[in-house]
C-alpha atoms as a PDB file:
ATOM      1  CA  MET A   1      -9.069 -61.675  41.213  1.00  0.00           C
ATOM      2  CA  LYS A   2      -7.232 -58.393  41.310  1.00  0.00           C
ATOM      3  CA  ILE A   3      -4.888 -57.712  38.415  1.00  0.00           C
ATOM      4  CA  MET A   4      -1.997 -55.359  39.042  1.00  0.00           C
ATOM      5  CA  PHE A   5       0.008 -53.558  36.371  1.00  0.00           C
ATOM      6  CA  LYS A   6       3.030 -51.784  37.802  1.00  0.00           C
ATOM      7  CA  LYS A   7       5.840 -49.953  36.075  1.00  0.00           C
ATOM      8  CA  HIS A   8       8.980 -48.806  37.818  1.00  0.00           C
ATOM      9  CA  GLY A   9      11.312 -46.270  36.241  1.00  0.00           C
ATOM     10  CA  VAL A  10      14.486 -48.308  35.983  1.00  0.00           C
ATOM     11  CA  SER A  11      16.684 -47.607  32.968  1.00  0.00           C
ATOM     12  CA  PRO A  12      18.605 -50.350  31.149  1.00  0.00           C
ATOM     13  CA  ALA A  13      21.824 -48.785  32.416  1.00  0.00           C
ATOM     14  CA  VAL A  14      20.649 -49.341  35.994  1.00  0.00           C
ATOM     15  CA  ALA A  15      19.107 -52.775  35.508  1.00  0.00           C
ATOM     16  CA  LYS A  16      21.336 -55.740  36.224  1.00  0.00           C
ATOM     17  CA  ARG A  17      21.490 -58.842  34.094  1.00  0.00           C
ATOM     18  CA  GLY A  18      19.344 -61.536  35.664  1.00  0.00           C
ATOM     19  CA  THR A  19      17.069 -59.233  37.641  1.00  0.00           C
ATOM     20  CA  PRO A  20      13.398 -59.497  36.581  1.00  0.00           C
ATOM     21  CA  ARG A  21      12.257 -57.259  33.713  1.00  0.00           C
ATOM     22  CA  VAL A  22       8.785 -58.815  33.866  1.00  0.00           C
ATOM     23  CA  ARG A  23       7.249 -60.858  36.663  1.00  0.00           C
ATOM     24  CA  PHE A  24       3.862 -62.560  36.678  1.00  0.00           C
ATOM     25  CA  THR A  25       2.228 -64.744  39.291  1.00  0.00           C
ATOM     26  CA  GLY A  26      -0.926 -66.827  38.991  1.00  0.00           C
ATOM     27  CA  LEU A  27      -1.435 -65.386  35.514  1.00  0.00           C
ATOM     28  CA  SER A  28      -4.272 -66.714  33.367  1.00  0.00           C
ATOM     29  CA  ALA A  29      -5.335 -65.255  30.025  1.00  0.00           C
ATOM     30  CA  GLY A  30      -7.077 -66.085  26.780  1.00  0.00           C
ATOM     31  CA  TYR A  31      -9.984 -65.080  24.610  1.00  0.00           C
ATOM     32  CA  PRO A  32     -13.744 -64.776  25.140  1.00  0.00           C
ATOM     33  CA  GLY A  33     -14.973 -68.182  26.212  1.00  0.00           C
ATOM     34  CA  ARG A  34     -11.549 -69.813  26.066  1.00  0.00           C
ATOM     35  CA  THR A  35      -8.722 -69.733  28.595  1.00  0.00           C
ATOM     36  CA  VAL A  36      -5.323 -70.360  26.991  1.00  0.00           C
ATOM     37  CA  LEU A  37      -2.818 -69.655  29.772  1.00  0.00           C
ATOM     38  CA  HIS A  38      -3.311 -71.205  33.192  1.00  0.00           C
ATOM     39  CA  GLN A  39      -1.779 -69.938  36.444  1.00  0.00           C
ATOM     40  CA  LEU A  40       1.695 -69.068  35.210  1.00  0.00           C
ATOM     41  CA  ASP A  41       4.381 -68.060  37.705  1.00  0.00           C
ATOM     42  CA  VAL A  42       7.401 -66.722  35.827  1.00  0.00           C
ATOM     43  CA  GLU A  43      10.163 -64.146  36.048  1.00  0.00           C
ATOM     44  CA  ILE A  44      11.673 -62.922  32.774  1.00  0.00           C
ATOM     45  CA  PRO A  45      15.208 -61.655  33.453  1.00  0.00           C
ATOM     46  CA  ALA A  46      16.398 -58.277  32.241  1.00  0.00           C
ATOM     47  CA  LEU A  47      19.216 -58.004  29.712  1.00  0.00           C
ATOM     48  CA  ALA A  48      18.816 -61.563  28.507  1.00  0.00           C
ATOM     49  CA  ILE A  49      17.189 -63.549  25.701  1.00  0.00           C
ATOM     50  CA  THR A  50      14.232 -65.655  26.846  1.00  0.00           C
ATOM     51  CA  ALA A  51      12.847 -68.272  24.454  1.00  0.00           C
ATOM     52  CA  LEU A  52       9.210 -69.377  24.652  1.00  0.00           C
ATOM     53  CA  VAL A  53       9.091 -72.937  23.333  1.00  0.00           C
ATOM     54  CA  GLY A  54       6.193 -75.315  22.827  1.00  0.00           C
ATOM     55  CA  PRO A  55       3.954 -76.889  20.182  1.00  0.00           C
ATOM     56  CA  ASN A  56       1.179 -75.070  18.361  1.00  0.00           C
ATOM     57  CA  GLY A  57      -1.585 -74.226  20.799  1.00  0.00           C
ATOM     58  CA  SER A  58       0.706 -74.208  23.834  1.00  0.00           C
ATOM     59  CA  GLY A  59       0.142 -70.483  24.469  1.00  0.00           C
ATOM     60  CA  LYS A  60       3.344 -68.885  23.166  1.00  0.00           C
ATOM     61  CA  SER A  61       1.668 -66.188  21.058  1.00  0.00           C
ATOM     62  CA  THR A  62      -0.938 -65.529  23.751  1.00  0.00           C
ATOM     63  CA  LEU A  63       1.805 -64.964  26.307  1.00  0.00           C
ATOM     64  CA  LEU A  64       3.547 -62.539  23.941  1.00  0.00           C
ATOM     65  CA  GLY A  65       0.223 -60.715  23.569  1.00  0.00           C
ATOM     66  CA  VAL A  66      -0.055 -60.406  27.336  1.00  0.00           C
ATOM     67  CA  LEU A  67       3.499 -59.093  27.589  1.00  0.00           C
ATOM     68  CA  ALA A  68       2.794 -56.616  24.779  1.00  0.00           C
ATOM     69  CA  GLY A  69      -0.334 -55.367  26.541  1.00  0.00           C
ATOM     70  CA  VAL A  70      -2.756 -56.338  23.765  1.00  0.00           C
ATOM     71  CA  ILE A  71      -4.283 -59.252  25.709  1.00  0.00           C
ATOM     72  CA  ARG A  72      -5.492 -58.566  29.222  1.00  0.00           C
ATOM     73  CA  PRO A  73      -5.023 -61.284  31.837  1.00  0.00           C
ATOM     74  CA  THR A  74      -8.199 -62.723  33.330  1.00  0.00           C
ATOM     75  CA  SER A  75      -6.514 -63.273  36.691  1.00  0.00           C
ATOM     76  CA  GLY A  76      -3.194 -62.929  38.386  1.00  0.00           C
ATOM     77  CA  GLU A  77      -0.569 -60.237  38.719  1.00  0.00           C
ATOM     78  CA  LEU A  78       1.712 -58.782  36.061  1.00  0.00           C
ATOM     79  CA  ARG A  79       4.551 -56.387  36.826  1.00  0.00           C
ATOM     80  CA  HIS A  80       6.820 -54.573  34.377  1.00  0.00           C
ATOM     81  CA  VAL A  81      10.087 -53.077  35.577  1.00  0.00           C
ATOM     82  CA  GLY A  82      10.713 -50.318  33.066  1.00  0.00           C
ATOM     83  CA  ASN A  83       9.289 -47.037  31.867  1.00  0.00           C
ATOM     84  CA  ARG A  84       8.829 -47.710  28.157  1.00  0.00           C
ATOM     85  CA  PRO A  85       6.161 -49.784  26.395  1.00  0.00           C
ATOM     86  CA  PRO A  86       7.305 -53.092  24.871  1.00  0.00           C
ATOM     87  CA  ALA A  87       8.009 -53.336  21.140  1.00  0.00           C
ATOM     88  CA  PHE A  88       6.175 -56.239  19.514  1.00  0.00           C
ATOM     89  CA  VAL A  89       7.299 -57.817  16.230  1.00  0.00           C
ATOM     90  CA  PRO A  90       4.634 -60.168  14.821  1.00  0.00           C
ATOM     91  CA  GLN A  91       5.161 -63.128  12.547  1.00  0.00           C
ATOM     92  CA  ARG A  92       5.926 -61.837   9.085  1.00  0.00           C
ATOM     93  CA  GLY A  93       2.913 -63.746   7.726  1.00  0.00           C
ATOM     94  CA  ALA A  94       0.650 -61.558   9.887  1.00  0.00           C
ATOM     95  CA  VAL A  95       1.514 -58.508   7.754  1.00  0.00           C
ATOM     96  CA  GLY A  96      -0.412 -58.493   4.488  1.00  0.00           C
ATOM     97  CA  ASP A  97       1.493 -58.626   1.202  1.00  0.00           C
ATOM     98  CA  ALA A  98      -1.108 -56.358  -0.386  1.00  0.00           C
ATOM     99  CA  LEU A  99      -0.322 -53.387   1.853  1.00  0.00           C
ATOM    100  CA  PRO A 100       1.242 -50.695  -0.385  1.00  0.00           C
ATOM    101  CA  LEU A 101       4.119 -49.973   1.992  1.00  0.00           C
ATOM    102  CA  THR A 102       7.760 -49.452   1.233  1.00  0.00           C
ATOM    103  CA  VAL A 103      10.400 -50.810   3.571  1.00  0.00           C
ATOM    104  CA  ARG A 104      11.107 -47.339   4.938  1.00  0.00           C
ATOM    105  CA  GLN A 105       7.417 -46.648   5.534  1.00  0.00           C
ATOM    106  CA  THR A 106       7.172 -49.953   7.368  1.00  0.00           C
ATOM    107  CA  VAL A 107      10.051 -49.032   9.676  1.00  0.00           C
ATOM    108  CA  GLU A 108       8.673 -45.508  10.177  1.00  0.00           C
ATOM    109  CA  MET A 109       5.524 -47.038  11.646  1.00  0.00           C
ATOM    110  CA  GLY A 110       7.691 -47.869  14.649  1.00  0.00           C
ATOM    111  CA  ARG A 111       7.693 -44.168  15.515  1.00  0.00           C
ATOM    112  CA  TRP A 112       3.888 -43.842  15.512  1.00  0.00           C
ATOM    113  CA  GLY A 113       3.600 -44.799  19.163  1.00  0.00           C
ATOM    114  CA  ALA A 114       5.642 -41.746  20.140  1.00  0.00           C
ATOM    115  CA  ARG A 115       4.506 -39.382  17.368  1.00  0.00           C
ATOM    116  CA  GLY A 116       1.076 -40.563  16.271  1.00  0.00           C
ATOM    117  CA  PRO A 117       0.188 -41.878  12.781  1.00  0.00           C
ATOM    118  CA  TRP A 118      -0.908 -38.538  11.336  1.00  0.00           C
ATOM    119  CA  ARG A 119       1.867 -36.251  12.579  1.00  0.00           C
ATOM    120  CA  ARG A 120       5.036 -35.511  10.677  1.00  0.00           C
ATOM    121  CA  LEU A 121       8.122 -37.291  11.872  1.00  0.00           C
ATOM    122  CA  THR A 122      10.810 -35.120  13.408  1.00  0.00           C
ATOM    123  CA  ARG A 123      14.449 -35.018  12.396  1.00  0.00           C
ATOM    124  CA  GLN A 124      15.213 -37.233  15.400  1.00  0.00           C
ATOM    125  CA  ASP A 125      12.523 -39.707  14.315  1.00  0.00           C
ATOM    126  CA  HIS A 126      14.105 -39.962  10.869  1.00  0.00           C
ATOM    127  CA  ALA A 127      17.528 -40.485  12.449  1.00  0.00           C
ATOM    128  CA  THR A 128      16.096 -43.279  14.615  1.00  0.00           C
ATOM    129  CA  VAL A 129      14.605 -44.954  11.532  1.00  0.00           C
ATOM    130  CA  ASP A 130      17.916 -44.599   9.654  1.00  0.00           C
ATOM    131  CA  THR A 131      19.800 -46.233  12.511  1.00  0.00           C
ATOM    132  CA  ALA A 132      17.346 -49.140  12.743  1.00  0.00           C
ATOM    133  CA  MET A 133      17.560 -49.795   9.004  1.00  0.00           C
ATOM    134  CA  GLU A 134      21.356 -49.612   9.017  1.00  0.00           C
ATOM    135  CA  ARG A 135      21.522 -52.032  11.903  1.00  0.00           C
ATOM    136  CA  LEU A 136      19.397 -54.587  10.021  1.00  0.00           C
ATOM    137  CA  GLY A 137      21.277 -54.026   6.763  1.00  0.00           C
ATOM    138  CA  ILE A 138      18.205 -52.931   4.801  1.00  0.00           C
ATOM    139  CA  THR A 139      19.054 -49.313   3.931  1.00  0.00           C
ATOM    140  CA  ASP A 140      19.411 -50.267   0.258  1.00  0.00           C
ATOM    141  CA  LEU A 141      15.881 -51.716   0.333  1.00  0.00           C
ATOM    142  CA  ALA A 142      14.237 -48.494   1.540  1.00  0.00           C
ATOM    143  CA  THR A 143      12.113 -47.901  -1.576  1.00  0.00           C
ATOM    144  CA  ARG A 144      11.185 -51.540  -2.206  1.00  0.00           C
ATOM    145  CA  GLN A 145       7.624 -52.673  -1.545  1.00  0.00           C
ATOM    146  CA  LEU A 146       7.322 -54.897   1.520  1.00  0.00           C
ATOM    147  CA  GLY A 147       5.505 -57.566  -0.491  1.00  0.00           C
ATOM    148  CA  GLU A 148       8.423 -57.825  -2.945  1.00  0.00           C
ATOM    149  CA  LEU A 149      10.942 -58.913  -0.338  1.00  0.00           C
ATOM    150  CA  SER A 150      12.297 -62.334   0.457  1.00  0.00           C
ATOM    151  CA  GLY A 151      11.339 -63.889   3.778  1.00  0.00           C
ATOM    152  CA  GLY A 152      14.612 -62.887   5.431  1.00  0.00           C
ATOM    153  CA  GLN A 153      14.475 -59.312   4.119  1.00  0.00           C
ATOM    154  CA  ARG A 154      10.891 -58.911   5.235  1.00  0.00           C
ATOM    155  CA  GLN A 155      11.666 -60.219   8.714  1.00  0.00           C
ATOM    156  CA  ARG A 156      14.553 -57.782   9.027  1.00  0.00           C
ATOM    157  CA  ALA A 157      12.236 -54.915   8.041  1.00  0.00           C
ATOM    158  CA  LEU A 158       9.760 -55.900  10.763  1.00  0.00           C
ATOM    159  CA  ILE A 159      12.513 -56.166  13.361  1.00  0.00           C
ATOM    160  CA  ALA A 160      13.797 -52.750  12.280  1.00  0.00           C
ATOM    161  CA  GLN A 161      10.291 -51.421  12.915  1.00  0.00           C
ATOM    162  CA  GLY A 162      10.519 -52.871  16.416  1.00  0.00           C
ATOM    163  CA  LEU A 163      13.931 -51.283  17.001  1.00  0.00           C
ATOM    164  CA  ALA A 164      12.587 -47.922  15.848  1.00  0.00           C
ATOM    165  CA  GLN A 165      10.266 -47.959  18.865  1.00  0.00           C
ATOM    166  CA  GLU A 166      13.348 -47.612  21.099  1.00  0.00           C
ATOM    167  CA  SER A 167      11.987 -49.954  23.748  1.00  0.00           C
ATOM    168  CA  ASP A 168      14.068 -51.860  26.261  1.00  0.00           C
ATOM    169  CA  LEU A 169      11.772 -54.901  25.873  1.00  0.00           C
ATOM    170  CA  LEU A 170      11.600 -56.500  22.412  1.00  0.00           C
ATOM    171  CA  LEU A 171       8.997 -59.226  21.826  1.00  0.00           C
ATOM    172  CA  LEU A 172       9.273 -61.401  18.713  1.00  0.00           C
ATOM    173  CA  ASP A 173       6.856 -64.036  17.415  1.00  0.00           C
ATOM    174  CA  GLU A 174       8.685 -66.738  15.425  1.00  0.00           C
ATOM    175  CA  PRO A 175      11.392 -64.381  14.079  1.00  0.00           C
ATOM    176  CA  THR A 176      13.411 -67.092  12.282  1.00  0.00           C
ATOM    177  CA  THR A 177      10.770 -69.576  11.131  1.00  0.00           C
ATOM    178  CA  GLY A 178      11.086 -70.373   7.442  1.00  0.00           C
ATOM    179  CA  LEU A 179      14.337 -68.445   6.968  1.00  0.00           C
ATOM    180  CA  ASP A 180      17.563 -69.808   5.535  1.00  0.00           C
ATOM    181  CA  ALA A 181      20.604 -70.435   7.718  1.00  0.00           C
ATOM    182  CA  GLU A 182      22.287 -67.132   6.832  1.00  0.00           C
ATOM    183  CA  ALA A 183      19.192 -65.092   7.744  1.00  0.00           C
ATOM    184  CA  ARG A 184      18.743 -67.024  11.001  1.00  0.00           C
ATOM    185  CA  ASP A 185      22.369 -66.448  11.979  1.00  0.00           C
ATOM    186  CA  ARG A 186      22.122 -62.740  11.196  1.00  0.00           C
ATOM    187  CA  ILE A 187      19.052 -62.298  13.380  1.00  0.00           C
ATOM    188  CA  ALA A 188      20.602 -64.354  16.209  1.00  0.00           C
ATOM    189  CA  ALA A 189      23.715 -62.157  16.168  1.00  0.00           C
ATOM    190  CA  LEU A 190      21.569 -59.018  16.203  1.00  0.00           C
ATOM    191  CA  LEU A 191      19.585 -60.187  19.237  1.00  0.00           C
ATOM    192  CA  THR A 192      22.814 -60.885  21.119  1.00  0.00           C
ATOM    193  CA  ASP A 193      24.054 -57.374  20.286  1.00  0.00           C
ATOM    194  CA  LEU A 194      20.770 -55.834  21.435  1.00  0.00           C
ATOM    195  CA  VAL A 195      21.056 -57.498  24.829  1.00  0.00           C
ATOM    196  CA  ALA A 196      24.579 -56.088  25.155  1.00  0.00           C
ATOM    197  CA  ASP A 197      23.082 -52.653  24.413  1.00  0.00           C
ATOM    198  CA  GLY A 198      20.524 -52.936  27.233  1.00  0.00           C
ATOM    199  CA  VAL A 199      17.516 -54.601  25.590  1.00  0.00           C
ATOM    200  CA  THR A 200      15.594 -57.534  27.046  1.00  0.00           C
ATOM    201  CA  VAL A 201      14.478 -59.959  24.313  1.00  0.00           C
ATOM    202  CA  VAL A 202      11.626 -62.469  24.466  1.00  0.00           C
ATOM    203  CA  GLN A 203      11.028 -64.652  21.417  1.00  0.00           C
ATOM    204  CA  ALA A 204       8.451 -67.343  20.761  1.00  0.00           C
ATOM    205  CA  THR A 205      10.024 -69.964  18.549  1.00  0.00           C
ATOM    206  CA  HIS A 206       9.741 -73.472  17.109  1.00  0.00           C
ATOM    207  CA  ASP A 207      13.408 -73.245  16.122  1.00  0.00           C
ATOM    208  CA  LEU A 208      15.189 -75.369  18.735  1.00  0.00           C
ATOM    209  CA  GLU A 209      18.586 -74.132  17.567  1.00  0.00           C
ATOM    210  CA  ALA A 210      17.510 -70.538  18.245  1.00  0.00           C
ATOM    211  CA  ALA A 211      16.024 -71.581  21.572  1.00  0.00           C
ATOM    212  CA  ARG A 212      19.253 -73.295  22.625  1.00  0.00           C
ATOM    213  CA  SER A 213      21.167 -70.068  22.011  1.00  0.00           C
ATOM    214  CA  ALA A 214      18.888 -68.171  24.424  1.00  0.00           C
ATOM    215  CA  ASP A 215      19.788 -67.479  28.038  1.00  0.00           C
ATOM    216  CA  ILE A 216      16.523 -68.780  29.495  1.00  0.00           C
ATOM    217  CA  CYS A 217      13.884 -71.135  28.128  1.00  0.00           C
ATOM    218  CA  LEU A 218      10.217 -71.315  29.127  1.00  0.00           C
ATOM    219  CA  LEU A 219       8.750 -74.608  27.940  1.00  0.00           C
ATOM    220  CA  LEU A 220       4.975 -74.336  27.556  1.00  0.00           C
ATOM    221  CA  SER A 221       2.544 -77.214  27.213  1.00  0.00           C
ATOM    222  CA  ASP A 222      -1.233 -76.813  26.912  1.00  0.00           C
ATOM    223  CA  GLY A 223      -1.084 -73.284  28.314  1.00  0.00           C
ATOM    224  CA  ARG A 224       0.910 -74.270  31.380  1.00  0.00           C
ATOM    225  CA  LEU A 225       4.552 -73.838  32.292  1.00  0.00           C
ATOM    226  CA  ALA A 226       6.074 -77.305  31.997  1.00  0.00           C
ATOM    227  CA  GLU A 227       9.704 -76.349  32.638  1.00  0.00           C
ATOM    228  CA  GLN A 228      11.890 -73.266  32.874  1.00  0.00           C
ATOM    229  CA  GLY A 229      15.627 -72.748  33.058  1.00  0.00           C
ATOM    230  CA  ASP A 230      18.767 -73.302  31.039  1.00  0.00           C
ATOM    231  CA  PRO A 231      17.961 -74.285  27.417  1.00  0.00           C
ATOM    232  CA  GLU A 232      20.712 -76.920  27.240  1.00  0.00           C
ATOM    233  CA  ARG A 233      19.204 -78.656  30.254  1.00  0.00           C
ATOM    234  CA  LEU A 234      15.587 -78.410  29.117  1.00  0.00           C
ATOM    235  CA  LEU A 235      15.739 -78.935  25.377  1.00  0.00           C
ATOM    236  CA  THR A 236      16.763 -82.568  25.496  1.00  0.00           C
ATOM    237  CA  PRO A 237      14.979 -85.440  23.732  1.00  0.00           C
ATOM    238  CA  SER A 238      13.680 -86.823  27.034  1.00  0.00           C
ATOM    239  CA  THR A 239      12.256 -83.504  28.258  1.00  0.00           C
ATOM    240  CA  LEU A 240      10.696 -82.672  24.907  1.00  0.00           C
ATOM    241  CA  ALA A 241       9.174 -86.164  24.696  1.00  0.00           C
ATOM    242  CA  ARG A 242       7.434 -85.603  28.046  1.00  0.00           C
ATOM    243  CA  THR A 243       6.054 -82.179  27.209  1.00  0.00           C
ATOM    244  CA  TRP A 244       5.908 -81.699  23.444  1.00  0.00           C
ATOM    245  CA  GLN A 245       2.674 -83.031  22.069  1.00  0.00           C
ATOM    246  CA  PRO A 246       2.160 -81.187  18.768  1.00  0.00           C
ATOM    247  CA  ALA A 247      -1.370 -80.165  17.887  1.00  0.00           C
END
């Protein structure tokens, strides 16, 4: 089947809340010899927080990989409305503790897509990094090694790296898992502020409290879309009992 990737130059200032930022129809994707996502038809609204919810193995991380452009669909159609690549923030456990990186160096990596890993950062790049670190409240951690940080501090550093990419589509894989209540609340407040600033947020999460605070919920089960819509309507004991079958 033909796969279409289209980008349209619509700035966040022009986009309207609720209009699609990403649309995919009949989308299937996975890995060599194994299909994970099956025939998904979804619109992800611009200027909103969309939560991807489902048990392990339901396809949340694979869908984020497709949205980030690192996993190519095997069939279907995918359309992006925007002119900047997505910013992807992985699970903090995916970043090795042994990497000899300071917090600032970690955030500076967010500028590599625009500058390249071997070119000196410009004054504007440094200003962008400063702003991202200030926004996450980690300026005082700039010289600390990433592996020395607490879970919440490390997650904030990774999100700051995502912000430094200056994308209007931020993708997060389990951003609050394993964090204390204060760290979860801080990240939730930040995501709300980002949407107000013109960023579309998509987060995969097992945290039902975080999912309930989203604008839209996509409930995945065995690589298929089980339900989509308002989180308060979907994330009820009866709905979860029908669809949530943990691996």
